[in-house]
């Protein structure tokens, strides 16, 4: 059973890395769009990563976790890739968060 558990961990890690790399390549997809469509974004992934590290006894800071997900410091990614949200995207996000 241990081999199956280890294999599952490795497969899940590979899937995470593939998602992370895909999101790095798709910098045209804004976080607000991800939030509106899927209910999570790059920042959520970095928070989950930091939570997993802390649970394993190896806490990392928020900025370090974001750099793992974004592939660069968060402020650099924002300056390079982030655009202002469209009024429609902002309204959709506001409606979704008010409903929660």
C-alpha atoms as a PDB file:
ATOM      1  CA  UNK A   1       0.000   0.000   0.000  1.00  0.00           C
ATOM      2  CA  UNK A   2       2.846   2.416   0.786  1.00  0.00           C
ATOM      3  CA  UNK A   3       4.044   2.276  -2.803  1.00  0.00           C
ATOM      4  CA  UNK A   4       0.572   3.222  -4.016  1.00  0.00           C
ATOM      5  CA  UNK A   5       0.436   6.116  -1.560  1.00  0.00           C
ATOM      6  CA  UNK A   6       3.862   7.352  -2.668  1.00  0.00           C
ATOM      7  CA  UNK A   7       2.846   7.045  -6.315  1.00  0.00           C
ATOM      8  CA  UNK A   8      -0.305   9.046  -5.620  1.00  0.00           C
ATOM      9  CA  UNK A   9       1.747  11.776  -3.926  1.00  0.00           C
ATOM     10  CA  UNK A  10       4.100  11.889  -6.906  1.00  0.00           C
ATOM     11  CA  UNK A  11       1.214  12.046  -9.396  1.00  0.00           C
ATOM     12  CA  UNK A  12      -0.480  14.824  -7.433  1.00  0.00           C
ATOM     13  CA  UNK A  13       2.781  16.759  -7.252  1.00  0.00           C
ATOM     14  CA  UNK A  14       3.261  16.357 -11.003  1.00  0.00           C
ATOM     15  CA  UNK A  15      -0.294  17.569 -11.635  1.00  0.00           C
ATOM     16  CA  UNK A  16       0.317  20.605  -9.401  1.00  0.00           C
ATOM     17  CA  UNK A  17       3.542  21.445 -11.222  1.00  0.00           C
ATOM     18  CA  UNK A  18       1.773  21.152 -14.569  1.00  0.00           C
ATOM     19  CA  UNK A  19      -1.038  23.462 -13.426  1.00  0.00           C
ATOM     20  CA  UNK A  20       1.507  25.913 -11.990  1.00  0.00           C
ATOM     21  CA  UNK A  21       3.519  25.918 -15.219  1.00  0.00           C
ATOM     22  CA  UNK A  22       0.376  26.271 -17.330  1.00  0.00           C
ATOM     23  CA  UNK A  23      -0.702  29.313 -15.321  1.00  0.00           C
ATOM     24  CA  UNK A  24       2.780  30.798 -15.651  1.00  0.00           C
ATOM     25  CA  UNK A  25       2.550  30.426 -19.446  1.00  0.00           C
ATOM     26  CA  UNK A  26      -0.979  31.866 -19.524  1.00  0.00           C
ATOM     27  CA  UNK A  27      -0.193  35.219 -17.958  1.00  0.00           C
ATOM     28  CA  UNK A  28      -2.930  36.648 -20.194  1.00  0.00           C
ATOM     29  CA  UNK A  29      -5.463  34.957 -17.926  1.00  0.00           C
ATOM     30  CA  UNK A  30      -6.054  37.343 -15.063  1.00  0.00           C
ATOM     31  CA  UNK A  31      -6.626  36.212 -11.477  1.00  0.00           C
ATOM     32  CA  UNK A  32     -10.059  37.844 -11.377  1.00  0.00           C
ATOM     33  CA  UNK A  33     -11.062  35.807 -14.430  1.00  0.00           C
ATOM     34  CA  UNK A  34      -9.891  32.621 -12.710  1.00  0.00           C
ATOM     35  CA  UNK A  35     -11.826  33.576  -9.579  1.00  0.00           C
ATOM     36  CA  UNK A  36     -14.987  34.312 -11.556  1.00  0.00           C
ATOM     37  CA  UNK A  37     -14.819  31.095 -13.567  1.00  0.00           C
ATOM     38  CA  UNK A  38     -13.243  28.588 -11.201  1.00  0.00           C
ATOM     39  CA  UNK A  39     -13.405  30.087  -7.715  1.00  0.00           C
ATOM     40  CA  UNK A  40      -9.623  30.062  -7.251  1.00  0.00           C
ATOM     41  CA  UNK A  41      -6.599  31.909  -8.603  1.00  0.00           C
ATOM     42  CA  UNK A  42      -2.819  31.940  -8.425  1.00  0.00           C
ATOM     43  CA  UNK A  43      -2.959  33.571  -4.996  1.00  0.00           C
ATOM     44  CA  UNK A  44      -5.200  30.751  -3.752  1.00  0.00           C
ATOM     45  CA  UNK A  45      -2.657  28.215  -5.009  1.00  0.00           C
ATOM     46  CA  UNK A  46       0.141  30.023  -3.225  1.00  0.00           C
ATOM     47  CA  UNK A  47      -1.919  30.151  -0.009  1.00  0.00           C
ATOM     48  CA  UNK A  48      -2.646  26.420  -0.254  1.00  0.00           C
ATOM     49  CA  UNK A  49       1.053  25.744  -0.845  1.00  0.00           C
ATOM     50  CA  UNK A  50       2.006  27.797   2.224  1.00  0.00           C
ATOM     51  CA  UNK A  51      -0.657  26.032   4.313  1.00  0.00           C
ATOM     52  CA  UNK A  52       0.653  22.613   3.235  1.00  0.00           C
ATOM     53  CA  UNK A  53       4.214  23.649   4.065  1.00  0.00           C
ATOM     54  CA  UNK A  54       3.154  24.907   7.497  1.00  0.00           C
ATOM     55  CA  UNK A  55       1.199  21.702   8.169  1.00  0.00           C
ATOM     56  CA  UNK A  56       4.332  19.710   7.328  1.00  0.00           C
ATOM     57  CA  UNK A  57       6.369  21.763   9.801  1.00  0.00           C
ATOM     58  CA  UNK A  58       8.210  23.780   7.135  1.00  0.00           C
ATOM     59  CA  UNK A  59       6.413  27.139   7.077  1.00  0.00           C
ATOM     60  CA  UNK A  60       7.227  29.597   4.321  1.00  0.00           C
ATOM     61  CA  UNK A  61       6.217  33.203   3.946  1.00  0.00           C
ATOM     62  CA  UNK A  62       3.440  34.535   1.756  1.00  0.00           C
ATOM     63  CA  UNK A  63       5.820  36.154  -0.730  1.00  0.00           C
ATOM     64  CA  UNK A  64       7.976  33.017  -1.004  1.00  0.00           C
ATOM     65  CA  UNK A  65       4.877  30.917  -1.715  1.00  0.00           C
ATOM     66  CA  UNK A  66       3.705  33.399  -4.337  1.00  0.00           C
ATOM     67  CA  UNK A  67       7.097  33.323  -6.038  1.00  0.00           C
ATOM     68  CA  UNK A  68       6.850  29.525  -6.270  1.00  0.00           C
ATOM     69  CA  UNK A  69       3.476  29.821  -8.032  1.00  0.00           C
ATOM     70  CA  UNK A  70       4.149  32.922 -10.150  1.00  0.00           C
ATOM     71  CA  UNK A  71       7.737  32.043 -11.055  1.00  0.00           C
ATOM     72  CA  UNK A  72       8.900  35.514 -10.040  1.00  0.00           C
ATOM     73  CA  UNK A  73       8.250  37.988  -7.239  1.00  0.00           C
ATOM     74  CA  UNK A  74       4.554  38.846  -7.075  1.00  0.00           C
ATOM     75  CA  UNK A  75       5.131  42.585  -7.539  1.00  0.00           C
ATOM     76  CA  UNK A  76       7.156  41.897 -10.693  1.00  0.00           C
ATOM     77  CA  UNK A  77       4.382  39.670 -12.086  1.00  0.00           C
ATOM     78  CA  UNK A  78       1.770  42.314 -11.327  1.00  0.00           C
ATOM     79  CA  UNK A  79       3.807  45.038 -13.010  1.00  0.00           C
ATOM     80  CA  UNK A  80       4.437  42.875 -16.067  1.00  0.00           C
ATOM     81  CA  UNK A  81       1.107  41.071 -16.526  1.00  0.00           C
ATOM     82  CA  UNK A  82      -1.770  42.393 -14.427  1.00  0.00           C
ATOM     83  CA  UNK A  83      -4.343  44.579 -16.109  1.00  0.00           C
ATOM     84  CA  UNK A  84      -7.213  46.495 -14.604  1.00  0.00           C
ATOM     85  CA  UNK A  85     -10.299  44.321 -14.315  1.00  0.00           C
ATOM     86  CA  UNK A  86     -13.064  45.026 -16.766  1.00  0.00           C
ATOM     87  CA  UNK A  87     -16.219  46.500 -15.221  1.00  0.00           C
ATOM     88  CA  UNK A  88     -17.999  43.227 -16.043  1.00  0.00           C
ATOM     89  CA  UNK A  89     -15.358  41.083 -14.343  1.00  0.00           C
ATOM     90  CA  UNK A  90     -15.302  43.333 -11.278  1.00  0.00           C
ATOM     91  CA  UNK A  91     -19.117  43.255 -11.023  1.00  0.00           C
ATOM     92  CA  UNK A  92     -19.172  39.476 -11.382  1.00  0.00           C
ATOM     93  CA  UNK A  93     -16.524  39.089  -8.694  1.00  0.00           C
ATOM     94  CA  UNK A  94     -18.358  41.474  -6.350  1.00  0.00           C
ATOM     95  CA  UNK A  95     -21.642  39.616  -6.860  1.00  0.00           C
ATOM     96  CA  UNK A  96     -19.976  36.269  -6.241  1.00  0.00           C
ATOM     97  CA  UNK A  97     -18.231  37.381  -3.067  1.00  0.00           C
ATOM     98  CA  UNK A  98     -21.397  39.018  -1.682  1.00  0.00           C
ATOM     99  CA  UNK A  99     -23.296  35.770  -2.234  1.00  0.00           C
ATOM    100  CA  UNK A 100     -20.797  33.809  -0.115  1.00  0.00           C
END
